[in-house]
N, C-alpha and C. Protein backbone atom coordinates (compact mmCIF):
# COMPACT_ATOMS: atom_id res chain seq x y z
N MET A 1 -18.67 -30.32 7.24
CA MET A 1 -18.03 -28.97 7.72
C MET A 1 -18.86 -28.48 8.88
N THR A 2 -18.07 -28.06 9.84
CA THR A 2 -18.64 -27.41 11.11
C THR A 2 -18.22 -25.97 11.13
N THR A 3 -19.05 -25.08 11.24
CA THR A 3 -18.78 -23.67 11.27
C THR A 3 -18.21 -23.38 12.60
N SER A 4 -17.13 -22.53 12.55
CA SER A 4 -16.49 -22.11 13.74
C SER A 4 -17.21 -20.96 14.40
N LEU A 5 -17.39 -21.07 15.70
CA LEU A 5 -18.06 -19.87 16.44
C LEU A 5 -17.08 -18.79 16.93
N ASP A 6 -15.80 -18.92 16.52
CA ASP A 6 -14.83 -17.89 16.75
C ASP A 6 -15.00 -16.70 15.89
N LEU A 7 -14.82 -15.57 16.38
CA LEU A 7 -14.87 -14.30 15.56
C LEU A 7 -13.63 -14.12 14.74
N PRO A 8 -13.78 -13.60 13.65
CA PRO A 8 -12.51 -13.34 12.80
C PRO A 8 -11.62 -12.28 13.43
N THR A 9 -10.29 -12.31 13.18
CA THR A 9 -9.37 -11.57 13.87
C THR A 9 -8.52 -10.67 12.86
N ASP A 10 -8.89 -10.67 11.62
CA ASP A 10 -8.23 -9.89 10.59
C ASP A 10 -8.38 -8.36 11.01
N PRO A 11 -7.54 -7.44 10.42
CA PRO A 11 -7.54 -6.06 10.80
C PRO A 11 -8.94 -5.43 10.61
N ILE A 12 -9.58 -5.73 9.43
CA ILE A 12 -10.92 -5.04 9.22
C ILE A 12 -11.99 -5.47 10.20
N ALA A 13 -12.00 -6.79 10.48
CA ALA A 13 -12.92 -7.32 11.38
C ALA A 13 -12.70 -6.77 12.85
N VAL A 14 -11.48 -6.60 13.19
CA VAL A 14 -11.09 -6.10 14.59
C VAL A 14 -11.62 -4.61 14.70
N ALA A 15 -11.33 -3.95 13.59
CA ALA A 15 -11.80 -2.46 13.52
C ALA A 15 -13.34 -2.44 13.52
N ALA A 16 -14.06 -3.26 12.73
CA ALA A 16 -15.49 -3.21 12.71
C ALA A 16 -16.10 -3.59 14.08
N ALA A 17 -15.55 -4.61 14.73
CA ALA A 17 -16.04 -4.91 16.02
C ALA A 17 -15.78 -3.86 17.03
N ALA A 18 -14.55 -3.35 16.92
CA ALA A 18 -14.26 -2.21 18.01
C ALA A 18 -15.17 -0.99 17.79
N LEU A 19 -15.48 -0.71 16.56
CA LEU A 19 -16.43 0.42 16.33
C LEU A 19 -17.80 0.21 16.94
N ALA A 20 -18.30 -1.06 16.65
CA ALA A 20 -19.60 -1.43 17.15
C ALA A 20 -19.50 -1.38 18.71
N ARG A 21 -18.60 -2.08 19.26
CA ARG A 21 -18.53 -2.23 20.75
C ARG A 21 -18.34 -0.89 21.40
N SER A 22 -17.77 0.02 20.86
CA SER A 22 -17.33 1.38 21.51
C SER A 22 -18.56 2.33 21.32
N THR A 23 -19.47 2.13 20.46
CA THR A 23 -20.47 3.04 20.19
C THR A 23 -21.96 2.47 20.45
N GLU A 24 -22.06 1.29 20.61
CA GLU A 24 -23.38 0.67 20.89
C GLU A 24 -23.42 0.27 22.44
N SER A 25 -24.70 0.07 22.82
CA SER A 25 -24.83 -0.49 24.21
C SER A 25 -24.36 -2.01 24.17
N LYS A 26 -23.92 -2.60 25.24
CA LYS A 26 -23.46 -3.92 25.35
C LYS A 26 -24.52 -4.88 24.71
N SER A 27 -25.76 -4.61 25.05
CA SER A 27 -26.92 -5.51 24.64
C SER A 27 -27.01 -5.42 23.04
N VAL A 28 -26.94 -4.34 22.49
CA VAL A 28 -26.96 -4.22 21.01
C VAL A 28 -25.76 -4.72 20.37
N PHE A 29 -24.53 -4.58 20.88
CA PHE A 29 -23.35 -5.25 20.37
C PHE A 29 -23.47 -6.78 20.40
N HIS A 30 -23.94 -7.21 21.46
CA HIS A 30 -24.09 -8.66 21.58
C HIS A 30 -25.06 -9.16 20.53
N HIS A 31 -26.15 -8.43 20.31
CA HIS A 31 -27.06 -8.85 19.27
C HIS A 31 -26.43 -8.77 17.99
N SER A 32 -25.50 -7.88 17.65
CA SER A 32 -24.82 -7.75 16.38
C SER A 32 -24.01 -8.99 16.08
N VAL A 33 -23.22 -9.35 17.16
CA VAL A 33 -22.31 -10.44 17.07
C VAL A 33 -23.06 -11.76 16.92
N ARG A 34 -24.10 -11.84 17.69
CA ARG A 34 -25.00 -13.14 17.55
C ARG A 34 -25.60 -13.14 16.09
N SER A 35 -25.90 -11.96 15.57
CA SER A 35 -26.45 -12.12 14.20
C SER A 35 -25.47 -12.63 13.18
N TYR A 36 -24.23 -12.32 13.46
CA TYR A 36 -23.14 -12.93 12.53
C TYR A 36 -23.11 -14.37 12.72
N LEU A 37 -23.03 -14.79 14.04
CA LEU A 37 -22.97 -16.23 14.19
C LEU A 37 -24.17 -17.01 13.68
N TRP A 38 -25.32 -16.53 13.85
CA TRP A 38 -26.50 -17.13 13.26
C TRP A 38 -26.39 -17.13 11.71
N ALA A 39 -25.91 -16.08 11.15
CA ALA A 39 -25.86 -15.90 9.67
C ALA A 39 -24.88 -17.03 9.22
N THR A 40 -23.82 -17.18 9.87
CA THR A 40 -22.82 -18.21 9.34
C THR A 40 -23.33 -19.56 9.44
N LEU A 41 -24.14 -19.86 10.62
CA LEU A 41 -24.68 -21.13 10.86
C LEU A 41 -25.84 -21.40 9.74
N LEU A 42 -26.53 -20.36 9.47
CA LEU A 42 -27.56 -20.49 8.37
C LEU A 42 -26.87 -20.76 7.07
N ALA A 43 -25.78 -20.03 6.73
CA ALA A 43 -25.05 -20.28 5.45
C ALA A 43 -24.55 -21.72 5.47
N GLU A 44 -24.15 -22.25 6.44
CA GLU A 44 -23.67 -23.62 6.44
C GLU A 44 -24.99 -24.56 6.27
N HIS A 45 -26.01 -24.34 6.94
CA HIS A 45 -27.23 -25.09 6.83
C HIS A 45 -27.78 -25.16 5.44
N GLU A 46 -27.66 -23.98 4.74
CA GLU A 46 -28.22 -23.92 3.39
C GLU A 46 -27.08 -24.19 2.32
N ASN A 47 -25.84 -24.55 2.84
CA ASN A 47 -24.83 -25.05 1.85
C ASN A 47 -24.54 -23.99 0.86
N VAL A 48 -24.35 -22.77 1.31
CA VAL A 48 -23.96 -21.59 0.35
C VAL A 48 -22.47 -21.07 0.57
N MET A 49 -21.88 -21.70 1.55
CA MET A 49 -20.57 -21.21 1.86
C MET A 49 -19.46 -21.33 0.67
N HIS A 50 -19.79 -22.09 -0.26
CA HIS A 50 -18.81 -22.27 -1.38
C HIS A 50 -19.46 -21.42 -2.67
N ASP A 51 -20.63 -20.80 -2.52
CA ASP A 51 -21.03 -19.97 -3.64
C ASP A 51 -20.17 -18.82 -3.94
N ALA A 52 -19.96 -18.46 -5.11
CA ALA A 52 -19.24 -17.30 -5.52
C ALA A 52 -19.58 -16.03 -4.82
N ASP A 53 -20.77 -15.84 -4.39
CA ASP A 53 -21.23 -14.58 -3.85
C ASP A 53 -21.00 -14.55 -2.33
N TYR A 54 -20.56 -15.65 -1.77
CA TYR A 54 -20.33 -15.78 -0.32
C TYR A 54 -19.01 -15.20 0.08
N ASP A 55 -19.07 -14.20 0.95
CA ASP A 55 -17.83 -13.60 1.44
C ASP A 55 -17.90 -13.49 3.02
N ALA A 56 -17.10 -14.29 3.67
CA ALA A 56 -17.09 -14.32 5.11
C ALA A 56 -16.77 -13.01 5.71
N GLY A 57 -15.79 -12.38 5.17
CA GLY A 57 -15.33 -11.03 5.67
C GLY A 57 -16.34 -9.99 5.60
N LEU A 58 -17.09 -9.92 4.47
CA LEU A 58 -18.11 -9.01 4.19
C LEU A 58 -19.39 -9.26 5.19
N LEU A 59 -19.61 -10.58 5.40
CA LEU A 59 -20.70 -10.96 6.21
C LEU A 59 -20.45 -10.55 7.53
N PHE A 60 -19.25 -10.62 8.06
CA PHE A 60 -18.91 -10.21 9.45
C PHE A 60 -19.09 -8.65 9.55
N ALA A 61 -18.54 -7.95 8.54
CA ALA A 61 -18.63 -6.57 8.68
C ALA A 61 -20.05 -6.06 8.64
N ALA A 62 -20.89 -6.64 7.74
CA ALA A 62 -22.31 -6.13 7.65
C ALA A 62 -23.08 -6.55 8.85
N THR A 63 -22.92 -7.66 9.38
CA THR A 63 -23.68 -8.04 10.55
C THR A 63 -23.21 -7.39 11.76
N VAL A 64 -21.95 -7.33 12.10
CA VAL A 64 -21.55 -6.73 13.30
C VAL A 64 -21.74 -5.19 13.40
N MET A 65 -21.79 -4.57 12.19
CA MET A 65 -22.03 -3.17 12.09
C MET A 65 -23.38 -2.69 11.75
N HIS A 66 -24.35 -3.71 11.68
CA HIS A 66 -25.64 -3.35 11.05
C HIS A 66 -26.47 -2.47 11.94
N ASP A 67 -26.14 -2.19 13.22
CA ASP A 67 -26.82 -1.41 14.08
C ASP A 67 -26.03 -0.15 14.51
N LEU A 68 -25.00 0.23 13.81
CA LEU A 68 -24.23 1.42 14.08
C LEU A 68 -25.09 2.64 14.19
N GLY A 69 -26.23 2.69 13.43
CA GLY A 69 -27.14 3.69 13.33
C GLY A 69 -27.84 4.09 14.63
N VAL A 70 -27.81 3.18 15.62
CA VAL A 70 -28.36 3.60 16.92
C VAL A 70 -27.24 3.76 18.05
N GLY A 71 -26.05 3.83 17.46
CA GLY A 71 -24.83 4.12 18.46
C GLY A 71 -24.63 5.64 18.43
N THR A 72 -23.51 5.94 19.22
CA THR A 72 -23.19 7.33 19.46
C THR A 72 -22.58 7.99 18.38
N ARG A 73 -22.14 7.34 17.31
CA ARG A 73 -21.60 8.03 16.04
C ARG A 73 -22.69 8.53 15.16
N ALA A 74 -23.92 8.03 15.24
CA ALA A 74 -24.94 8.38 14.28
C ALA A 74 -25.44 9.78 14.50
N PRO A 75 -25.52 10.55 13.47
CA PRO A 75 -25.88 12.02 13.68
C PRO A 75 -27.39 12.15 13.97
N GLY A 76 -28.26 11.21 13.62
CA GLY A 76 -29.68 11.34 13.86
C GLY A 76 -30.47 12.22 12.91
N VAL A 77 -29.98 12.23 11.70
CA VAL A 77 -30.70 13.13 10.72
C VAL A 77 -31.32 12.29 9.59
N ALA A 78 -31.15 11.00 9.56
CA ALA A 78 -31.68 10.03 8.68
C ALA A 78 -32.09 8.84 9.39
N ARG A 79 -32.71 7.85 8.67
CA ARG A 79 -33.02 6.55 9.29
C ARG A 79 -31.84 5.84 9.77
N PHE A 80 -31.99 5.20 10.89
CA PHE A 80 -30.89 4.51 11.56
C PHE A 80 -30.12 3.51 10.63
N GLU A 81 -30.99 2.85 9.79
CA GLU A 81 -30.39 1.90 8.98
C GLU A 81 -29.45 2.53 7.93
N VAL A 82 -29.83 3.67 7.45
CA VAL A 82 -28.94 4.51 6.41
C VAL A 82 -27.78 5.05 7.14
N GLU A 83 -27.86 5.63 8.33
CA GLU A 83 -26.75 6.11 8.98
C GLU A 83 -25.78 5.04 9.33
N GLY A 84 -26.26 3.91 9.81
CA GLY A 84 -25.40 2.79 10.11
C GLY A 84 -24.68 2.33 8.82
N ALA A 85 -25.30 2.27 7.71
CA ALA A 85 -24.68 1.82 6.49
C ALA A 85 -23.63 2.79 6.09
N ASP A 86 -23.87 4.05 6.35
CA ASP A 86 -22.82 5.13 6.04
C ASP A 86 -21.70 5.01 6.83
N LEU A 87 -21.86 4.80 8.17
CA LEU A 87 -20.70 4.59 9.12
C LEU A 87 -19.86 3.41 8.75
N ALA A 88 -20.55 2.25 8.38
CA ALA A 88 -19.87 1.05 8.01
C ALA A 88 -19.10 1.27 6.73
N ALA A 89 -19.60 1.91 5.69
CA ALA A 89 -19.06 2.19 4.51
C ALA A 89 -17.82 2.99 4.68
N ASP A 90 -17.86 3.97 5.56
CA ASP A 90 -16.74 4.74 5.82
C ASP A 90 -15.53 4.01 6.51
N LEU A 91 -15.86 3.21 7.30
CA LEU A 91 -14.72 2.35 7.96
C LEU A 91 -14.14 1.39 6.92
N LEU A 92 -14.99 0.82 6.07
CA LEU A 92 -14.44 -0.11 5.09
C LEU A 92 -13.63 0.58 4.10
N THR A 93 -14.09 1.77 3.61
CA THR A 93 -13.30 2.51 2.69
C THR A 93 -12.00 2.99 3.17
N ARG A 94 -11.90 3.43 4.43
CA ARG A 94 -10.75 3.76 5.13
C ARG A 94 -9.68 2.69 5.21
N HIS A 95 -10.23 1.42 5.23
CA HIS A 95 -9.36 0.16 5.32
C HIS A 95 -9.13 -0.38 3.94
N GLY A 96 -9.39 0.34 2.94
CA GLY A 96 -9.00 -0.14 1.53
C GLY A 96 -9.81 -1.10 0.90
N VAL A 97 -11.13 -1.40 1.42
CA VAL A 97 -12.06 -2.22 0.77
C VAL A 97 -12.46 -1.63 -0.47
N GLY A 98 -12.64 -2.52 -1.57
CA GLY A 98 -13.05 -1.86 -2.97
C GLY A 98 -14.50 -1.30 -2.97
N ALA A 99 -14.66 -0.46 -3.79
CA ALA A 99 -15.98 0.26 -3.85
C ALA A 99 -17.21 -0.74 -4.00
N ASP A 100 -17.06 -1.78 -4.80
CA ASP A 100 -18.22 -2.71 -5.05
C ASP A 100 -18.49 -3.42 -3.88
N ASP A 101 -17.47 -3.80 -3.11
CA ASP A 101 -17.69 -4.57 -1.81
C ASP A 101 -18.29 -3.69 -0.74
N VAL A 102 -17.78 -2.44 -0.74
CA VAL A 102 -18.35 -1.39 0.24
C VAL A 102 -19.88 -1.23 -0.07
N ASP A 103 -20.20 -1.18 -1.32
CA ASP A 103 -21.54 -0.93 -1.74
C ASP A 103 -22.51 -2.11 -1.20
N ARG A 104 -21.97 -3.34 -1.44
CA ARG A 104 -22.66 -4.60 -1.04
C ARG A 104 -22.94 -4.47 0.46
N VAL A 105 -22.00 -4.07 1.31
CA VAL A 105 -22.25 -4.03 2.72
C VAL A 105 -23.15 -2.88 3.03
N TRP A 106 -22.98 -1.72 2.43
CA TRP A 106 -23.88 -0.67 2.54
C TRP A 106 -25.32 -1.02 2.32
N GLU A 107 -25.57 -1.68 1.29
CA GLU A 107 -26.88 -2.13 0.87
C GLU A 107 -27.49 -3.06 1.87
N ALA A 108 -26.76 -4.14 2.25
CA ALA A 108 -27.18 -5.10 3.13
C ALA A 108 -27.55 -4.50 4.49
N ILE A 109 -26.75 -3.46 5.04
CA ILE A 109 -27.27 -2.78 6.27
C ILE A 109 -28.41 -1.98 6.04
N ALA A 110 -28.50 -1.16 4.95
CA ALA A 110 -29.50 -0.22 4.81
C ALA A 110 -30.83 -0.90 4.66
N ILE A 111 -30.90 -2.10 4.12
CA ILE A 111 -32.24 -2.78 3.86
C ILE A 111 -32.53 -3.91 4.82
N HIS A 112 -31.73 -3.97 5.88
CA HIS A 112 -31.88 -5.19 6.76
C HIS A 112 -33.24 -5.32 7.42
N THR A 113 -33.90 -4.06 7.55
CA THR A 113 -35.25 -4.12 8.07
C THR A 113 -36.39 -4.12 7.05
N SER A 114 -35.99 -4.55 5.69
CA SER A 114 -37.06 -4.44 4.58
C SER A 114 -37.29 -5.84 4.22
N PRO A 115 -38.32 -6.42 4.72
CA PRO A 115 -38.82 -7.80 4.37
C PRO A 115 -39.18 -7.77 2.83
N GLY A 116 -38.89 -8.88 2.15
CA GLY A 116 -39.28 -8.93 0.70
C GLY A 116 -38.33 -8.15 -0.22
N ILE A 117 -37.48 -7.37 0.28
CA ILE A 117 -36.46 -6.59 -0.51
C ILE A 117 -35.13 -7.25 -0.29
N ALA A 118 -34.65 -7.29 1.09
CA ALA A 118 -33.37 -7.82 1.36
C ALA A 118 -33.23 -9.19 0.84
N GLU A 119 -34.18 -10.04 0.83
CA GLU A 119 -34.05 -11.46 0.41
C GLU A 119 -33.67 -11.53 -1.07
N ARG A 120 -34.04 -10.53 -1.76
CA ARG A 120 -33.96 -10.49 -3.29
C ARG A 120 -32.68 -9.65 -3.70
N ARG A 121 -31.81 -9.28 -2.81
CA ARG A 121 -30.67 -8.34 -3.28
C ARG A 121 -29.31 -9.00 -3.10
N GLY A 122 -29.37 -10.41 -3.30
CA GLY A 122 -28.11 -11.07 -3.19
C GLY A 122 -27.89 -11.78 -1.91
N LEU A 123 -26.86 -12.60 -1.87
CA LEU A 123 -26.61 -13.52 -0.77
C LEU A 123 -26.25 -12.75 0.52
N LEU A 124 -25.41 -11.80 0.35
CA LEU A 124 -25.14 -10.99 1.56
C LEU A 124 -26.33 -10.34 2.30
N ALA A 125 -27.07 -9.63 1.50
CA ALA A 125 -28.21 -8.97 2.07
C ALA A 125 -29.17 -9.99 2.63
N TYR A 126 -29.28 -11.06 2.01
CA TYR A 126 -30.18 -12.11 2.55
C TYR A 126 -29.73 -12.65 3.87
N LEU A 127 -28.37 -12.92 3.95
CA LEU A 127 -27.89 -13.59 5.15
C LEU A 127 -27.79 -12.58 6.27
N VAL A 128 -27.57 -11.43 6.04
CA VAL A 128 -27.63 -10.24 7.09
C VAL A 128 -28.99 -10.25 7.64
N ARG A 129 -30.03 -10.09 6.79
CA ARG A 129 -31.45 -9.99 7.29
C ARG A 129 -31.81 -11.22 8.12
N GLU A 130 -31.51 -12.39 7.55
CA GLU A 130 -31.92 -13.62 8.21
C GLU A 130 -31.14 -13.83 9.56
N GLY A 131 -29.75 -13.50 9.57
CA GLY A 131 -29.02 -13.62 10.75
C GLY A 131 -29.66 -12.72 11.81
N VAL A 132 -30.06 -11.48 11.44
CA VAL A 132 -30.79 -10.59 12.46
C VAL A 132 -32.07 -11.22 12.81
N GLY A 133 -32.82 -11.78 11.86
CA GLY A 133 -34.11 -12.36 12.09
C GLY A 133 -33.94 -13.51 13.07
N ILE A 134 -33.01 -14.39 13.01
CA ILE A 134 -32.84 -15.56 13.86
C ILE A 134 -32.76 -15.01 15.28
N ASP A 135 -31.99 -13.86 15.52
CA ASP A 135 -31.87 -13.39 16.87
C ASP A 135 -33.14 -12.86 17.46
N PHE A 136 -34.12 -12.70 16.59
CA PHE A 136 -35.56 -12.28 17.07
C PHE A 136 -36.47 -13.61 17.08
N GLY A 137 -35.80 -14.69 16.87
CA GLY A 137 -36.68 -16.01 16.93
C GLY A 137 -36.98 -16.68 15.75
N ARG A 138 -36.88 -16.05 14.50
CA ARG A 138 -37.21 -16.65 13.22
C ARG A 138 -36.17 -17.79 12.96
N GLN A 139 -36.68 -18.88 12.50
CA GLN A 139 -35.84 -19.97 12.12
C GLN A 139 -34.84 -20.34 13.23
N ALA A 140 -35.33 -20.21 14.44
CA ALA A 140 -34.50 -20.66 15.54
C ALA A 140 -34.01 -22.08 15.59
N GLU A 141 -34.88 -22.88 14.96
CA GLU A 141 -34.52 -24.31 14.92
C GLU A 141 -33.29 -24.55 14.14
N VAL A 142 -32.98 -23.72 13.29
CA VAL A 142 -31.73 -23.97 12.41
C VAL A 142 -30.50 -23.88 13.29
N VAL A 143 -30.44 -23.09 14.40
CA VAL A 143 -29.27 -22.88 15.15
C VAL A 143 -29.39 -23.49 16.58
N ALA A 144 -30.42 -24.27 16.72
CA ALA A 144 -30.81 -24.81 18.10
C ALA A 144 -29.55 -25.58 18.72
N ASP A 145 -28.83 -26.24 17.91
CA ASP A 145 -27.68 -26.97 18.48
C ASP A 145 -26.64 -26.14 19.04
N HIS A 146 -26.52 -24.82 18.66
CA HIS A 146 -25.52 -23.85 18.98
C HIS A 146 -26.08 -22.75 19.97
N GLU A 147 -27.38 -22.85 20.31
CA GLU A 147 -27.93 -21.74 21.03
C GLU A 147 -27.38 -21.49 22.38
N GLU A 148 -27.11 -22.62 23.16
CA GLU A 148 -26.58 -22.43 24.46
C GLU A 148 -25.29 -21.78 24.56
N VAL A 149 -24.29 -22.28 23.69
CA VAL A 149 -23.00 -21.78 23.75
C VAL A 149 -22.93 -20.30 23.22
N VAL A 150 -23.68 -20.00 22.27
CA VAL A 150 -23.70 -18.58 21.67
C VAL A 150 -24.33 -17.69 22.67
N HIS A 151 -25.36 -18.07 23.30
CA HIS A 151 -25.93 -17.13 24.35
C HIS A 151 -25.11 -17.10 25.65
N SER A 152 -24.31 -18.06 25.96
CA SER A 152 -23.43 -18.09 27.04
C SER A 152 -22.29 -17.04 26.84
N ARG A 153 -21.82 -17.01 25.56
CA ARG A 153 -20.78 -16.14 25.28
C ARG A 153 -21.19 -14.68 25.13
N PHE A 154 -22.40 -14.51 24.56
CA PHE A 154 -22.97 -13.20 24.15
C PHE A 154 -24.36 -13.14 24.63
N PRO A 155 -24.55 -12.87 25.98
CA PRO A 155 -25.86 -12.92 26.56
C PRO A 155 -26.90 -11.82 26.02
N ARG A 156 -28.19 -12.14 26.07
CA ARG A 156 -29.11 -11.29 25.37
C ARG A 156 -29.33 -9.91 26.07
N LEU A 157 -29.29 -9.97 27.39
CA LEU A 157 -29.35 -8.70 28.17
C LEU A 157 -30.52 -7.88 27.79
N SER A 158 -31.67 -8.48 27.82
CA SER A 158 -32.93 -7.75 27.45
C SER A 158 -32.78 -7.05 26.09
N MET A 159 -32.20 -7.85 25.09
CA MET A 159 -31.93 -7.21 23.72
C MET A 159 -33.14 -6.53 23.08
N VAL A 160 -34.28 -7.12 23.13
CA VAL A 160 -35.43 -6.44 22.35
C VAL A 160 -35.76 -5.00 22.82
N ARG A 161 -35.91 -4.98 24.11
CA ARG A 161 -36.26 -3.77 24.77
C ARG A 161 -35.12 -2.71 24.57
N SER A 162 -33.88 -3.18 24.79
CA SER A 162 -32.75 -2.25 24.59
C SER A 162 -32.61 -1.85 23.16
N LEU A 163 -32.83 -2.63 22.22
CA LEU A 163 -32.75 -2.19 20.81
C LEU A 163 -33.79 -1.26 20.41
N VAL A 164 -35.09 -1.58 20.81
CA VAL A 164 -36.17 -0.78 20.46
C VAL A 164 -35.96 0.63 21.16
N ASP A 165 -35.59 0.69 22.51
CA ASP A 165 -35.26 1.93 23.14
C ASP A 165 -34.28 2.75 22.23
N ALA A 166 -33.13 2.13 21.69
CA ALA A 166 -32.12 2.89 20.92
C ALA A 166 -32.77 3.28 19.58
N ILE A 167 -33.58 2.55 18.98
CA ILE A 167 -34.16 2.90 17.71
C ILE A 167 -35.19 4.06 17.84
N VAL A 168 -36.01 4.02 18.89
CA VAL A 168 -36.87 4.99 19.24
C VAL A 168 -36.26 6.23 19.58
N ASP A 169 -35.27 6.26 20.37
CA ASP A 169 -34.47 7.40 20.72
C ASP A 169 -33.85 8.09 19.52
N HIS A 170 -33.37 7.28 18.52
CA HIS A 170 -32.74 7.91 17.40
C HIS A 170 -33.84 8.52 16.55
N ALA A 171 -34.88 7.69 16.28
CA ALA A 171 -35.96 8.25 15.52
C ALA A 171 -36.52 9.49 16.01
N ALA A 172 -36.56 9.70 17.25
CA ALA A 172 -37.21 10.92 17.87
C ALA A 172 -36.40 12.18 17.62
N ARG A 173 -35.09 12.03 17.17
CA ARG A 173 -34.21 13.17 16.96
C ARG A 173 -34.59 14.02 15.90
N ASN A 174 -35.24 13.48 14.85
CA ASN A 174 -35.54 14.24 13.60
C ASN A 174 -36.50 13.55 12.83
N ASP A 175 -37.40 14.38 12.20
CA ASP A 175 -38.60 13.76 11.35
C ASP A 175 -37.98 12.85 10.28
N ALA A 176 -36.86 13.34 9.76
CA ALA A 176 -36.35 12.55 8.61
C ALA A 176 -35.81 11.22 8.99
N ALA A 177 -35.56 11.02 10.30
CA ALA A 177 -35.11 9.80 10.87
C ALA A 177 -36.16 8.85 11.21
N ALA A 178 -37.38 9.17 11.01
CA ALA A 178 -38.56 8.33 11.34
C ALA A 178 -39.79 8.50 10.32
N PRO A 179 -39.48 8.31 9.06
CA PRO A 179 -40.53 8.46 8.00
C PRO A 179 -41.67 7.44 8.22
N ARG A 180 -42.84 7.89 7.96
CA ARG A 180 -43.97 7.01 8.12
C ARG A 180 -43.86 5.62 7.34
N TYR A 181 -44.12 4.70 8.09
CA TYR A 181 -44.17 3.24 7.56
C TYR A 181 -42.81 2.63 7.50
N SER A 182 -41.79 3.37 7.90
CA SER A 182 -40.42 2.78 7.99
C SER A 182 -40.41 2.09 9.36
N THR A 183 -39.51 1.19 9.59
CA THR A 183 -39.39 0.57 10.91
C THR A 183 -39.13 1.57 11.97
N PRO A 184 -38.22 2.57 11.93
CA PRO A 184 -38.02 3.42 13.02
C PRO A 184 -39.28 4.30 13.22
N GLY A 185 -39.90 4.78 12.07
CA GLY A 185 -41.10 5.51 12.26
C GLY A 185 -42.23 4.89 12.92
N GLU A 186 -42.42 3.60 12.57
CA GLU A 186 -43.59 2.86 13.15
C GLU A 186 -43.23 2.63 14.68
N LEU A 187 -42.02 2.29 15.08
CA LEU A 187 -41.68 1.92 16.33
C LEU A 187 -41.84 3.20 17.24
N LEU A 188 -41.48 4.28 16.79
CA LEU A 188 -41.68 5.59 17.47
C LEU A 188 -43.16 5.83 17.73
N ARG A 189 -43.92 5.66 16.56
CA ARG A 189 -45.34 5.95 16.68
C ARG A 189 -45.97 5.02 17.73
N GLU A 190 -45.65 3.65 17.63
CA GLU A 190 -46.27 2.71 18.54
C GLU A 190 -45.85 3.01 20.00
N ARG A 191 -44.59 3.34 20.16
CA ARG A 191 -44.21 3.60 21.50
C ARG A 191 -44.95 4.82 22.21
N ARG A 192 -45.06 5.84 21.34
CA ARG A 192 -45.76 7.10 21.84
C ARG A 192 -47.25 6.88 21.90
N ASP A 193 -47.82 6.03 21.17
CA ASP A 193 -49.34 5.80 21.23
C ASP A 193 -49.68 4.86 22.27
N ASN A 194 -48.84 3.73 22.41
CA ASN A 194 -49.24 2.53 23.15
C ASN A 194 -48.40 2.36 24.40
N GLY A 195 -47.15 2.96 24.34
CA GLY A 195 -46.21 2.59 25.37
C GLY A 195 -45.45 1.33 25.15
N VAL A 196 -45.81 0.58 24.11
CA VAL A 196 -45.10 -0.73 23.75
C VAL A 196 -45.24 -0.85 22.27
N THR A 197 -44.24 -1.56 21.68
CA THR A 197 -44.24 -1.80 20.29
C THR A 197 -44.65 -3.22 19.89
N ARG A 198 -45.08 -3.41 18.70
CA ARG A 198 -45.37 -4.78 18.22
C ARG A 198 -44.14 -5.65 18.32
N MET A 199 -42.91 -5.15 18.10
CA MET A 199 -41.70 -5.90 18.20
C MET A 199 -41.53 -6.44 19.63
N GLU A 200 -41.83 -5.52 20.61
CA GLU A 200 -41.66 -5.98 22.07
C GLU A 200 -42.73 -7.01 22.31
N LEU A 201 -43.96 -6.88 21.87
CA LEU A 201 -45.08 -7.78 22.18
C LEU A 201 -44.64 -9.10 21.39
N ALA A 202 -44.13 -9.14 20.19
CA ALA A 202 -43.73 -10.34 19.63
C ALA A 202 -42.62 -11.17 20.36
N ALA A 203 -41.82 -10.40 20.98
CA ALA A 203 -40.80 -10.97 21.69
C ALA A 203 -41.17 -11.98 22.85
N ALA A 204 -42.42 -11.68 23.30
CA ALA A 204 -43.00 -12.57 24.37
C ALA A 204 -43.24 -13.87 23.81
N ASP A 205 -43.43 -14.00 22.46
CA ASP A 205 -43.66 -15.41 21.79
C ASP A 205 -42.39 -15.97 21.20
N SER A 206 -41.25 -15.24 21.45
CA SER A 206 -39.95 -15.68 20.87
C SER A 206 -39.50 -16.87 21.66
N PRO A 207 -38.85 -17.86 21.13
CA PRO A 207 -38.27 -18.87 21.79
C PRO A 207 -37.12 -18.42 22.87
N TRP A 208 -36.72 -17.21 22.66
CA TRP A 208 -35.65 -16.63 23.48
C TRP A 208 -36.12 -15.54 24.39
N ARG A 209 -37.38 -15.05 24.29
CA ARG A 209 -38.11 -14.25 25.20
C ARG A 209 -37.46 -12.82 25.44
N SER A 210 -36.50 -12.46 24.62
CA SER A 210 -35.94 -11.11 24.91
C SER A 210 -35.40 -10.47 23.65
């Protein structure tokens, strides 16, 4: 089986992509789409596409909307992961997705920056976190055969700097959006203290450099 690199075109997928595209920077939107493509390639690599818990539609929704919390719809009163999860859940609910599936997507988005937790909260949460992680260079060898075509369709556009800027801007809006030891809280502190974050420094060692 060879995974298609085409994006889904069902009404929910179209609505999810439209929301992300219209509220995020182009760089962050491309990151979100690449995260979906990497996640599907990982699912194929790990032979989990026929597992009962695998749902391609929910995977697209969760990955393409995982960074809504740094977009223009996010109110900036809670962590970006939580606000993004809330926005995604609202869209899915309005499109008639069942409560259990909405909750799975909400959780996958809310904990996608939580190592050691996301990996143990079911296949969807695992694939979302790993798809995002691959776009930062983790397990890049798994998707190496598809790297060129994916990056040609959805260029990186200084993704790491763009995403960190967006997370820091959101975190600076409210203390509750940047709790200590959370990803947004630590990125905000590092940027204020050092002018650069560990995420940005690590990007220098990424196979994709951005």
